Amino acid sequence: MKKTLAIIIILFFVLFGTNIVFATSTTQDALNGLSSTTQESIDIITGTNKSNNTEEQNNTNQSNKENVNNLETKIQKNNEKQNNEAQNSSATSKIADMTNKEKKTLEDYKEAYGSDSYGLTAYILSRIQIYSIPFCFLGVAISAIYQYVLGVRKLDTRDKGFTIMISIITLFVIAQVLPLIFAIVVKGWRG
């Protein structure tokens, strides 16, 4: 009898693709509530049911199906809740780590320059230096399209592309050199 019950339960979990590992107290409570109906369904499957009333069997089968569906939805909701909590905690910890790193970097700049305002300015210039690189590539690509593709037939469009390219490269050079100039001026003048 215990072997057939174990086989039926294993087949149930295999057929419906649910994980036995994620059973919690709520699912255990639901399983305890199903113990009497599970015994009845085992009797129906094995043919040992003493009752010949088909209406009672149909009602029992219907209630068993409803209980199984309720149990499946509880397990799925619990699995989704656990997955969401794990994702939220990892995303929150990553954001906290990023902000902690940025705060530490800002504090390092303030300490290196000896002033809050100079440290903040150096930090901002270093961020501009880093983020100017992709904007430069994008600007050069757009200006090259204006100059070499669209400017083949129109000279004013070609000149516009050339002007944009020169402007973007000039801004890029300024953004790359400005932190160095700031460090030389501030540390050189202040000693």
N, C-alpha and C. Protein backbone atom coordinates (compact mmCIF):
# COMPACT_ATOMS: atom_id res chain seq x y z
N MET A 1 0.82 -1.20 0.00
CA MET A 1 0.00 0.00 0.00
C MET A 1 0.86 1.26 0.00
N LYS A 2 1.94 1.27 0.83
CA LYS A 2 2.81 2.43 0.89
C LYS A 2 3.58 2.60 -0.41
N LYS A 3 3.92 1.47 -1.07
CA LYS A 3 4.64 1.55 -2.33
C LYS A 3 3.76 2.18 -3.41
N THR A 4 2.50 1.79 -3.46
CA THR A 4 1.62 2.36 -4.48
C THR A 4 1.40 3.85 -4.23
N LEU A 5 1.26 4.25 -2.97
CA LEU A 5 1.10 5.67 -2.65
C LEU A 5 2.35 6.45 -3.06
N ALA A 6 3.50 5.90 -2.77
CA ALA A 6 4.75 6.57 -3.15
C ALA A 6 4.88 6.67 -4.66
N ILE A 7 4.52 5.63 -5.37
CA ILE A 7 4.60 5.64 -6.83
C ILE A 7 3.63 6.67 -7.41
N ILE A 8 2.42 6.73 -6.88
CA ILE A 8 1.43 7.69 -7.36
C ILE A 8 1.91 9.11 -7.11
N ILE A 9 2.46 9.38 -5.95
CA ILE A 9 2.93 10.73 -5.65
C ILE A 9 4.11 11.10 -6.54
N ILE A 10 5.03 10.19 -6.75
CA ILE A 10 6.18 10.46 -7.62
C ILE A 10 5.72 10.70 -9.04
N LEU A 11 4.77 9.87 -9.53
CA LEU A 11 4.24 10.09 -10.87
C LEU A 11 3.55 11.44 -10.98
N PHE A 12 2.84 11.83 -9.95
CA PHE A 12 2.16 13.12 -9.94
C PHE A 12 3.17 14.26 -10.10
N PHE A 13 4.25 14.21 -9.32
CA PHE A 13 5.25 15.27 -9.38
C PHE A 13 6.00 15.26 -10.70
N VAL A 14 6.25 14.08 -11.25
CA VAL A 14 6.96 13.99 -12.52
C VAL A 14 6.08 14.49 -13.66
N LEU A 15 4.81 14.08 -13.68
CA LEU A 15 3.92 14.47 -14.76
C LEU A 15 3.64 15.97 -14.76
N PHE A 16 3.48 16.57 -13.62
CA PHE A 16 3.13 17.98 -13.57
C PHE A 16 4.36 18.89 -13.44
N GLY A 17 5.55 18.32 -13.39
CA GLY A 17 6.77 19.09 -13.41
C GLY A 17 7.00 19.96 -12.19
N THR A 18 6.41 19.62 -11.08
CA THR A 18 6.62 20.43 -9.88
C THR A 18 7.82 19.91 -9.13
N ASN A 19 8.45 20.78 -8.37
CA ASN A 19 9.63 20.42 -7.59
C ASN A 19 9.22 20.02 -6.19
N ILE A 20 9.70 18.89 -5.74
CA ILE A 20 9.41 18.43 -4.39
C ILE A 20 10.22 19.25 -3.39
N VAL A 21 11.36 19.79 -3.82
CA VAL A 21 12.29 20.48 -2.93
C VAL A 21 11.67 21.74 -2.33
N PHE A 22 10.82 22.45 -3.08
CA PHE A 22 10.32 23.74 -2.65
C PHE A 22 9.06 23.66 -1.80
N ALA A 23 8.74 22.48 -1.27
CA ALA A 23 7.56 22.35 -0.43
C ALA A 23 7.79 23.11 0.88
N THR A 24 6.85 23.96 1.24
CA THR A 24 6.99 24.74 2.46
C THR A 24 5.87 24.35 3.41
N SER A 25 5.80 25.10 4.50
CA SER A 25 4.80 24.77 5.51
C SER A 25 3.39 24.93 4.96
N THR A 26 3.19 25.91 4.07
CA THR A 26 1.84 26.08 3.53
C THR A 26 1.47 24.90 2.64
N THR A 27 2.43 24.40 1.87
CA THR A 27 2.11 23.24 1.05
C THR A 27 1.98 21.99 1.90
N GLN A 28 2.75 21.92 3.01
CA GLN A 28 2.60 20.79 3.91
C GLN A 28 1.22 20.81 4.55
N ASP A 29 0.73 22.01 4.93
CA ASP A 29 -0.61 22.12 5.48
C ASP A 29 -1.65 21.68 4.46
N ALA A 30 -1.44 22.05 3.21
CA ALA A 30 -2.38 21.65 2.17
C ALA A 30 -2.33 20.14 1.98
N LEU A 31 -1.13 19.56 2.05
CA LEU A 31 -1.03 18.12 1.91
C LEU A 31 -1.70 17.40 3.07
N ASN A 32 -1.58 17.94 4.29
CA ASN A 32 -2.25 17.33 5.44
C ASN A 32 -3.76 17.39 5.27
N GLY A 33 -4.26 18.46 4.68
CA GLY A 33 -5.69 18.57 4.45
C GLY A 33 -6.17 17.62 3.38
N LEU A 34 -5.25 17.20 2.52
CA LEU A 34 -5.62 16.30 1.43
C LEU A 34 -5.49 14.82 1.80
N SER A 35 -5.04 14.52 3.01
CA SER A 35 -4.74 13.13 3.34
C SER A 35 -5.97 12.23 3.21
N SER A 36 -7.12 12.70 3.64
CA SER A 36 -8.31 11.85 3.55
C SER A 36 -8.77 11.70 2.11
N THR A 37 -8.71 12.82 1.35
CA THR A 37 -9.13 12.71 -0.05
C THR A 37 -8.11 11.94 -0.87
N THR A 38 -6.85 11.97 -0.48
CA THR A 38 -5.83 11.21 -1.18
C THR A 38 -6.07 9.72 -1.00
N GLN A 39 -6.43 9.33 0.21
CA GLN A 39 -6.72 7.91 0.47
C GLN A 39 -7.92 7.47 -0.36
N GLU A 40 -8.92 8.34 -0.47
CA GLU A 40 -10.09 7.99 -1.28
C GLU A 40 -9.71 7.86 -2.75
N SER A 41 -8.84 8.76 -3.24
CA SER A 41 -8.46 8.68 -4.65
C SER A 41 -7.60 7.44 -4.91
N ILE A 42 -6.80 7.04 -3.92
CA ILE A 42 -6.01 5.81 -4.07
C ILE A 42 -6.94 4.61 -4.12
N ASP A 43 -7.96 4.64 -3.29
CA ASP A 43 -8.94 3.55 -3.32
C ASP A 43 -9.65 3.50 -4.66
N ILE A 44 -9.98 4.66 -5.22
CA ILE A 44 -10.67 4.69 -6.50
C ILE A 44 -9.75 4.16 -7.59
N ILE A 45 -8.47 4.56 -7.56
CA ILE A 45 -7.53 4.12 -8.60
C ILE A 45 -7.29 2.62 -8.50
N THR A 46 -7.12 2.12 -7.30
CA THR A 46 -6.83 0.68 -7.14
C THR A 46 -8.08 -0.19 -7.21
N GLY A 47 -9.25 0.42 -7.16
CA GLY A 47 -10.49 -0.32 -7.28
C GLY A 47 -10.94 -0.95 -5.99
N THR A 48 -10.44 -0.52 -4.86
CA THR A 48 -10.82 -1.09 -3.58
C THR A 48 -11.91 -0.29 -2.90
N ASN A 49 -12.51 0.64 -3.59
CA ASN A 49 -13.57 1.45 -3.01
C ASN A 49 -14.80 0.59 -2.80
N LYS A 50 -15.38 0.62 -1.64
CA LYS A 50 -16.52 -0.21 -1.31
C LYS A 50 -17.82 0.34 -1.87
N SER A 51 -17.82 1.62 -2.16
CA SER A 51 -19.04 2.26 -2.63
C SER A 51 -19.18 2.07 -4.13
N ASN A 52 -20.36 1.80 -4.60
CA ASN A 52 -20.63 1.67 -6.02
C ASN A 52 -21.33 2.90 -6.57
N ASN A 53 -21.48 3.90 -5.78
CA ASN A 53 -22.19 5.10 -6.19
C ASN A 53 -21.26 5.93 -7.08
N THR A 54 -21.59 6.01 -8.36
CA THR A 54 -20.73 6.72 -9.31
C THR A 54 -20.78 8.23 -9.10
N GLU A 55 -21.90 8.74 -8.64
CA GLU A 55 -22.00 10.18 -8.39
C GLU A 55 -21.05 10.59 -7.27
N GLU A 56 -20.96 9.79 -6.23
CA GLU A 56 -20.05 10.09 -5.13
C GLU A 56 -18.60 10.02 -5.61
N GLN A 57 -18.31 9.05 -6.48
CA GLN A 57 -16.96 8.96 -7.02
C GLN A 57 -16.63 10.17 -7.90
N ASN A 58 -17.58 10.62 -8.69
CA ASN A 58 -17.36 11.79 -9.54
C ASN A 58 -17.10 13.04 -8.69
N ASN A 59 -17.90 13.19 -7.61
CA ASN A 59 -17.69 14.33 -6.72
C ASN A 59 -16.32 14.26 -6.05
N THR A 60 -15.94 13.04 -5.65
CA THR A 60 -14.63 12.86 -5.02
C THR A 60 -13.51 13.17 -6.01
N ASN A 61 -13.67 12.69 -7.26
CA ASN A 61 -12.66 12.96 -8.28
C ASN A 61 -12.56 14.46 -8.56
N GLN A 62 -13.70 15.12 -8.63
CA GLN A 62 -13.72 16.57 -8.89
C GLN A 62 -13.04 17.33 -7.75
N SER A 63 -13.35 16.95 -6.52
CA SER A 63 -12.73 17.64 -5.39
C SER A 63 -11.23 17.36 -5.34
N ASN A 64 -10.83 16.13 -5.70
CA ASN A 64 -9.40 15.81 -5.75
C ASN A 64 -8.69 16.66 -6.80
N LYS A 65 -9.31 16.82 -7.95
CA LYS A 65 -8.71 17.64 -9.00
C LYS A 65 -8.58 19.09 -8.55
N GLU A 66 -9.62 19.61 -7.89
CA GLU A 66 -9.57 20.98 -7.39
C GLU A 66 -8.47 21.14 -6.34
N ASN A 67 -8.36 20.15 -5.43
CA ASN A 67 -7.32 20.21 -4.40
C ASN A 67 -5.92 20.14 -5.01
N VAL A 68 -5.76 19.30 -6.03
CA VAL A 68 -4.46 19.20 -6.70
C VAL A 68 -4.13 20.52 -7.40
N ASN A 69 -5.12 21.11 -8.07
CA ASN A 69 -4.90 22.39 -8.75
C ASN A 69 -4.55 23.49 -7.74
N ASN A 70 -5.25 23.51 -6.61
CA ASN A 70 -4.94 24.49 -5.57
C ASN A 70 -3.52 24.31 -5.05
N LEU A 71 -3.14 23.06 -4.85
CA LEU A 71 -1.79 22.76 -4.36
C LEU A 71 -0.74 23.20 -5.37
N GLU A 72 -0.99 22.94 -6.66
CA GLU A 72 -0.05 23.35 -7.70
C GLU A 72 0.10 24.86 -7.74
N THR A 73 -1.00 25.59 -7.65
CA THR A 73 -0.92 27.05 -7.70
C THR A 73 -0.18 27.60 -6.48
N LYS A 74 -0.39 26.99 -5.31
CA LYS A 74 0.35 27.44 -4.12
C LYS A 74 1.84 27.21 -4.28
N ILE A 75 2.21 26.06 -4.83
CA ILE A 75 3.63 25.76 -5.04
C ILE A 75 4.23 26.73 -6.05
N GLN A 76 3.51 27.00 -7.14
CA GLN A 76 4.01 27.92 -8.16
C GLN A 76 4.17 29.33 -7.61
N LYS A 77 3.18 29.79 -6.83
CA LYS A 77 3.27 31.13 -6.24
C LYS A 77 4.45 31.22 -5.28
N ASN A 78 4.66 30.16 -4.51
CA ASN A 78 5.77 30.15 -3.57
C ASN A 78 7.11 30.18 -4.31
N ASN A 79 7.23 29.40 -5.40
CA ASN A 79 8.46 29.40 -6.19
C ASN A 79 8.70 30.78 -6.81
N GLU A 80 7.65 31.41 -7.34
CA GLU A 80 7.79 32.74 -7.93
C GLU A 80 8.20 33.76 -6.88
N LYS A 81 7.63 33.65 -5.69
CA LYS A 81 7.96 34.58 -4.61
C LYS A 81 9.43 34.44 -4.22
N GLN A 82 9.91 33.20 -4.11
CA GLN A 82 11.30 32.98 -3.75
C GLN A 82 12.24 33.50 -4.84
N ASN A 83 11.88 33.28 -6.11
CA ASN A 83 12.71 33.78 -7.21
C ASN A 83 12.76 35.30 -7.22
N ASN A 84 11.60 35.95 -7.02
CA ASN A 84 11.55 37.41 -7.01
C ASN A 84 12.36 37.98 -5.86
N GLU A 85 12.27 37.36 -4.68
CA GLU A 85 13.03 37.84 -3.53
C GLU A 85 14.52 37.72 -3.78
N ALA A 86 14.94 36.62 -4.40
CA ALA A 86 16.37 36.43 -4.69
C ALA A 86 16.86 37.45 -5.71
N GLN A 87 16.07 37.73 -6.74
CA GLN A 87 16.47 38.70 -7.75
C GLN A 87 16.51 40.10 -7.17
N ASN A 88 15.52 40.46 -6.36
CA ASN A 88 15.48 41.79 -5.77
C ASN A 88 16.65 42.00 -4.83
N SER A 89 16.98 41.00 -4.04
CA SER A 89 18.08 41.17 -3.10
C SER A 89 19.42 41.28 -3.82
N SER A 90 19.60 40.52 -4.90
CA SER A 90 20.86 40.61 -5.64
C SER A 90 20.97 41.94 -6.37
N ALA A 91 19.88 42.43 -6.95
CA ALA A 91 19.91 43.72 -7.64
C ALA A 91 20.15 44.85 -6.65
N THR A 92 19.50 44.78 -5.50
CA THR A 92 19.68 45.82 -4.48
C THR A 92 21.11 45.82 -3.96
N SER A 93 21.67 44.65 -3.76
CA SER A 93 23.05 44.59 -3.26
C SER A 93 24.03 45.12 -4.30
N LYS A 94 23.78 44.86 -5.58
CA LYS A 94 24.65 45.38 -6.63
C LYS A 94 24.60 46.90 -6.68
N ILE A 95 23.40 47.46 -6.57
CA ILE A 95 23.26 48.92 -6.57
C ILE A 95 23.92 49.52 -5.35
N ALA A 96 23.75 48.88 -4.21
CA ALA A 96 24.39 49.38 -2.99
C ALA A 96 25.90 49.32 -3.11
N ASP A 97 26.43 48.25 -3.72
CA ASP A 97 27.87 48.15 -3.92
C ASP A 97 28.38 49.24 -4.86
N MET A 98 27.61 49.50 -5.92
CA MET A 98 28.01 50.54 -6.87
C MET A 98 28.03 51.90 -6.20
N THR A 99 27.00 52.22 -5.44
CA THR A 99 26.97 53.52 -4.79
C THR A 99 28.05 53.62 -3.72
N ASN A 100 28.34 52.53 -3.03
CA ASN A 100 29.42 52.55 -2.04
C ASN A 100 30.77 52.79 -2.71
N LYS A 101 30.99 52.16 -3.87
CA LYS A 101 32.24 52.37 -4.60
C LYS A 101 32.36 53.82 -5.06
N GLU A 102 31.26 54.37 -5.56
CA GLU A 102 31.30 55.76 -6.04
C GLU A 102 31.53 56.73 -4.87
N LYS A 103 30.90 56.46 -3.74
CA LYS A 103 31.11 57.31 -2.57
C LYS A 103 32.57 57.23 -2.10
N LYS A 104 33.12 56.01 -2.13
CA LYS A 104 34.51 55.86 -1.72
C LYS A 104 35.44 56.58 -2.69
N THR A 105 35.15 56.50 -3.99
CA THR A 105 35.96 57.21 -4.98
C THR A 105 35.88 58.71 -4.76
N LEU A 106 34.69 59.22 -4.51
CA LEU A 106 34.52 60.65 -4.25
C LEU A 106 35.29 61.07 -3.00
N GLU A 107 35.22 60.27 -1.96
CA GLU A 107 35.97 60.57 -0.73
C GLU A 107 37.48 60.54 -0.99
N ASP A 108 37.93 59.62 -1.84
CA ASP A 108 39.36 59.56 -2.18
C ASP A 108 39.79 60.83 -2.91
N TYR A 109 38.95 61.31 -3.83
CA TYR A 109 39.27 62.57 -4.52
C TYR A 109 39.30 63.74 -3.55
N LYS A 110 38.32 63.79 -2.64
CA LYS A 110 38.30 64.89 -1.66
C LYS A 110 39.55 64.85 -0.78
N GLU A 111 39.97 63.65 -0.41
CA GLU A 111 41.16 63.52 0.42
C GLU A 111 42.42 63.88 -0.35
N ALA A 112 42.49 63.48 -1.63
CA ALA A 112 43.67 63.74 -2.44
C ALA A 112 43.84 65.23 -2.73
N TYR A 113 42.73 65.94 -2.94
CA TYR A 113 42.80 67.36 -3.26
C TYR A 113 42.72 68.25 -2.03
N GLY A 114 42.35 67.69 -0.89
CA GLY A 114 42.34 68.45 0.35
C GLY A 114 41.17 69.39 0.52
N SER A 115 40.20 69.33 -0.34
CA SER A 115 39.05 70.22 -0.25
C SER A 115 37.83 69.50 -0.84
N ASP A 116 36.67 69.81 -0.28
CA ASP A 116 35.45 69.19 -0.82
C ASP A 116 35.16 69.68 -2.23
N SER A 117 35.28 70.97 -2.46
CA SER A 117 34.95 71.52 -3.77
C SER A 117 35.94 71.06 -4.84
N TYR A 118 37.24 71.04 -4.54
CA TYR A 118 38.22 70.57 -5.51
C TYR A 118 38.07 69.07 -5.76
N GLY A 119 37.81 68.32 -4.72
CA GLY A 119 37.62 66.87 -4.87
C GLY A 119 36.41 66.55 -5.72
N LEU A 120 35.32 67.28 -5.48
CA LEU A 120 34.10 67.06 -6.27
C LEU A 120 34.33 67.44 -7.73
N THR A 121 35.03 68.55 -7.96
CA THR A 121 35.32 68.97 -9.33
C THR A 121 36.19 67.94 -10.04
N ALA A 122 37.21 67.42 -9.36
CA ALA A 122 38.07 66.39 -9.96
C ALA A 122 37.29 65.12 -10.25
N TYR A 123 36.39 64.75 -9.36
CA TYR A 123 35.55 63.56 -9.56
C TYR A 123 34.66 63.74 -10.80
N ILE A 124 34.03 64.90 -10.91
CA ILE A 124 33.14 65.17 -12.06
C ILE A 124 33.95 65.17 -13.35
N LEU A 125 35.13 65.78 -13.34
CA LEU A 125 35.96 65.79 -14.55
C LEU A 125 36.41 64.39 -14.94
N SER A 126 36.68 63.54 -13.98
CA SER A 126 37.07 62.16 -14.32
C SER A 126 35.89 61.40 -14.92
N ARG A 127 34.68 61.66 -14.43
CA ARG A 127 33.50 61.02 -15.03
C ARG A 127 33.27 61.54 -16.46
N ILE A 128 33.46 62.82 -16.66
CA ILE A 128 33.32 63.38 -18.01
C ILE A 128 34.37 62.77 -18.94
N GLN A 129 35.56 62.60 -18.44
CA GLN A 129 36.63 62.00 -19.23
C GLN A 129 36.26 60.60 -19.68
N ILE A 130 35.69 59.82 -18.80
CA ILE A 130 35.33 58.43 -19.14
C ILE A 130 34.15 58.39 -20.11
N TYR A 131 33.11 59.18 -19.84
CA TYR A 131 31.89 59.09 -20.66
C TYR A 131 32.00 59.85 -21.97
N SER A 132 33.04 60.64 -22.17
CA SER A 132 33.18 61.36 -23.44
C SER A 132 33.63 60.44 -24.57
N ILE A 133 34.23 59.32 -24.25
CA ILE A 133 34.76 58.41 -25.28
C ILE A 133 33.65 57.84 -26.17
N PRO A 134 32.59 57.23 -25.61
CA PRO A 134 31.55 56.69 -26.50
C PRO A 134 30.80 57.79 -27.26
N PHE A 135 30.62 58.95 -26.62
CA PHE A 135 29.93 60.04 -27.32
C PHE A 135 30.78 60.56 -28.48
N CYS A 136 32.08 60.54 -28.32
CA CYS A 136 32.96 60.96 -29.41
C CYS A 136 32.84 60.00 -30.60
N PHE A 137 32.87 58.71 -30.34
CA PHE A 137 32.74 57.74 -31.43
C PHE A 137 31.40 57.89 -32.14
N LEU A 138 30.35 58.08 -31.39
CA LEU A 138 29.03 58.26 -31.98
C LEU A 138 28.97 59.53 -32.81
N GLY A 139 29.52 60.62 -32.30
CA GLY A 139 29.53 61.88 -33.03
C GLY A 139 30.34 61.82 -34.29
N VAL A 140 31.50 61.15 -34.23
CA VAL A 140 32.33 61.02 -35.43
C VAL A 140 31.62 60.17 -36.47
N ALA A 141 30.93 59.13 -36.05
CA ALA A 141 30.19 58.28 -36.99
C ALA A 141 29.08 59.08 -37.67
N ILE A 142 28.34 59.85 -36.90
CA ILE A 142 27.25 60.65 -37.49
C ILE A 142 27.81 61.72 -38.43
N SER A 143 28.87 62.38 -38.02
CA SER A 143 29.44 63.41 -38.88
C SER A 143 30.06 62.81 -40.14
N ALA A 144 30.61 61.60 -40.04
CA ALA A 144 31.15 60.94 -41.23
C ALA A 144 30.04 60.60 -42.20
N ILE A 145 28.89 60.21 -41.68
CA ILE A 145 27.74 59.95 -42.56
C ILE A 145 27.34 61.23 -43.29
N TYR A 146 27.28 62.35 -42.55
CA TYR A 146 26.96 63.62 -43.18
C TYR A 146 28.00 63.99 -44.24
N GLN A 147 29.28 63.80 -43.91
CA GLN A 147 30.33 64.25 -44.81
C GLN A 147 30.49 63.34 -46.02
N TYR A 148 30.53 62.05 -45.83
CA TYR A 148 30.90 61.14 -46.91
C TYR A 148 29.73 60.46 -47.61
N VAL A 149 28.58 60.38 -46.96
CA VAL A 149 27.44 59.72 -47.60
C VAL A 149 26.44 60.74 -48.11
N LEU A 150 25.95 61.58 -47.21
CA LEU A 150 24.96 62.58 -47.62
C LEU A 150 25.60 63.77 -48.34
N GLY A 151 26.87 64.01 -48.07
CA GLY A 151 27.54 65.17 -48.66
C GLY A 151 28.10 64.95 -50.04
N VAL A 152 27.87 63.79 -50.62
CA VAL A 152 28.38 63.50 -51.96
C VAL A 152 27.69 64.41 -52.98
N ARG A 153 26.42 64.68 -52.79
CA ARG A 153 25.67 65.49 -53.76
C ARG A 153 25.52 66.94 -53.35
N LYS A 154 25.63 67.23 -52.05
CA LYS A 154 25.46 68.60 -51.59
C LYS A 154 26.71 69.05 -50.85
N LEU A 155 27.26 70.16 -51.23
CA LEU A 155 28.47 70.66 -50.60
C LEU A 155 28.18 71.23 -49.21
N ASP A 156 27.00 71.81 -49.02
CA ASP A 156 26.69 72.37 -47.69
C ASP A 156 26.54 71.25 -46.65
N THR A 157 25.99 70.11 -47.04
CA THR A 157 25.88 68.97 -46.13
C THR A 157 27.26 68.40 -45.83
N ARG A 158 28.12 68.39 -46.83
CA ARG A 158 29.50 67.91 -46.65
C ARG A 158 30.24 68.82 -45.67
N ASP A 159 30.08 70.11 -45.84
CA ASP A 159 30.72 71.06 -44.92
C ASP A 159 30.15 70.94 -43.51
N LYS A 160 28.85 70.69 -43.42
CA LYS A 160 28.21 70.51 -42.11
C LYS A 160 28.81 69.29 -41.41
N GLY A 161 28.99 68.18 -42.12
CA GLY A 161 29.59 66.98 -41.55
C GLY A 161 31.02 67.22 -41.10
N PHE A 162 31.78 67.96 -41.91
CA PHE A 162 33.17 68.27 -41.55
C PHE A 162 33.22 69.14 -40.31
N THR A 163 32.34 70.14 -40.22
CA THR A 163 32.30 71.04 -39.06
C THR A 163 31.92 70.28 -37.79
N ILE A 164 30.94 69.41 -37.90
CA ILE A 164 30.53 68.62 -36.74
C ILE A 164 31.68 67.71 -36.29
N MET A 165 32.39 67.10 -37.23
CA MET A 165 33.48 66.20 -36.88
C MET A 165 34.60 66.96 -36.16
N ILE A 166 34.96 68.12 -36.66
CA ILE A 166 36.00 68.92 -36.03
C ILE A 166 35.56 69.34 -34.63
N SER A 167 34.30 69.74 -34.48
CA SER A 167 33.79 70.17 -33.16
C SER A 167 33.81 69.02 -32.16
N ILE A 168 33.39 67.86 -32.59
CA ILE A 168 33.33 66.71 -31.68
C ILE A 168 34.73 66.27 -31.27
N ILE A 169 35.66 66.25 -32.21
CA ILE A 169 37.03 65.86 -31.87
C ILE A 169 37.64 66.89 -30.92
N THR A 170 37.36 68.17 -31.13
CA THR A 170 37.87 69.21 -30.24
C THR A 170 37.31 69.03 -28.83
N LEU A 171 36.00 68.78 -28.71
CA LEU A 171 35.40 68.56 -27.39
C LEU A 171 35.97 67.30 -26.73
N PHE A 172 36.24 66.28 -27.52
CA PHE A 172 36.82 65.05 -26.98
C PHE A 172 38.21 65.31 -26.41
N VAL A 173 39.03 66.04 -27.14
CA VAL A 173 40.38 66.34 -26.66
C VAL A 173 40.32 67.17 -25.39
N ILE A 174 39.42 68.15 -25.35
CA ILE A 174 39.27 68.97 -24.14
C ILE A 174 38.85 68.11 -22.96
N ALA A 175 37.87 67.21 -23.18
CA ALA A 175 37.38 66.35 -22.10
C ALA A 175 38.46 65.40 -21.61
N GLN A 176 39.38 65.00 -22.49
CA GLN A 176 40.45 64.09 -22.07
C GLN A 176 41.59 64.81 -21.36
N VAL A 177 41.85 66.05 -21.73
CA VAL A 177 42.99 66.77 -21.18
C VAL A 177 42.62 67.60 -19.95
N LEU A 178 41.37 68.00 -19.84
CA LEU A 178 40.95 68.90 -18.76
C LEU A 178 41.23 68.35 -17.35
N PRO A 179 40.99 67.06 -17.05
CA PRO A 179 41.34 66.58 -15.71
C PRO A 179 42.83 66.70 -15.40
N LEU A 180 43.68 66.48 -16.40
CA LEU A 180 45.12 66.62 -16.20
C LEU A 180 45.48 68.08 -15.92
N ILE A 181 44.92 68.98 -16.69
CA ILE A 181 45.19 70.41 -16.49
C ILE A 181 44.69 70.85 -15.11
N PHE A 182 43.51 70.38 -14.73
CA PHE A 182 42.96 70.73 -13.41
C PHE A 182 43.88 70.25 -12.29
N ALA A 183 44.38 69.01 -12.41
CA ALA A 183 45.26 68.47 -11.37
C ALA A 183 46.56 69.25 -11.29
N ILE A 184 47.13 69.62 -12.45
CA ILE A 184 48.37 70.39 -12.44
C ILE A 184 48.16 71.76 -11.82
N VAL A 185 47.08 72.43 -12.21
CA VAL A 185 46.84 73.78 -11.72
C VAL A 185 46.53 73.78 -10.22
N VAL A 186 45.66 72.90 -9.78
CA VAL A 186 45.25 72.90 -8.38
C VAL A 186 46.39 72.45 -7.47
N LYS A 187 47.02 71.35 -7.82
CA LYS A 187 48.09 70.83 -6.96
C LYS A 187 49.37 71.64 -7.11
N GLY A 188 49.62 72.18 -8.31
CA GLY A 188 50.83 72.97 -8.52
C GLY A 188 50.76 74.31 -7.82
N TRP A 189 49.62 74.97 -7.86
CA TRP A 189 49.47 76.29 -7.24
C TRP A 189 49.33 76.18 -5.74
N ARG A 190 48.69 75.10 -5.28
CA ARG A 190 48.43 75.00 -3.84
C ARG A 190 49.58 74.31 -3.12
N GLY A 191 50.41 73.60 -3.84
CA GLY A 191 51.57 72.96 -3.24
C GLY A 191 51.27 71.66 -2.69
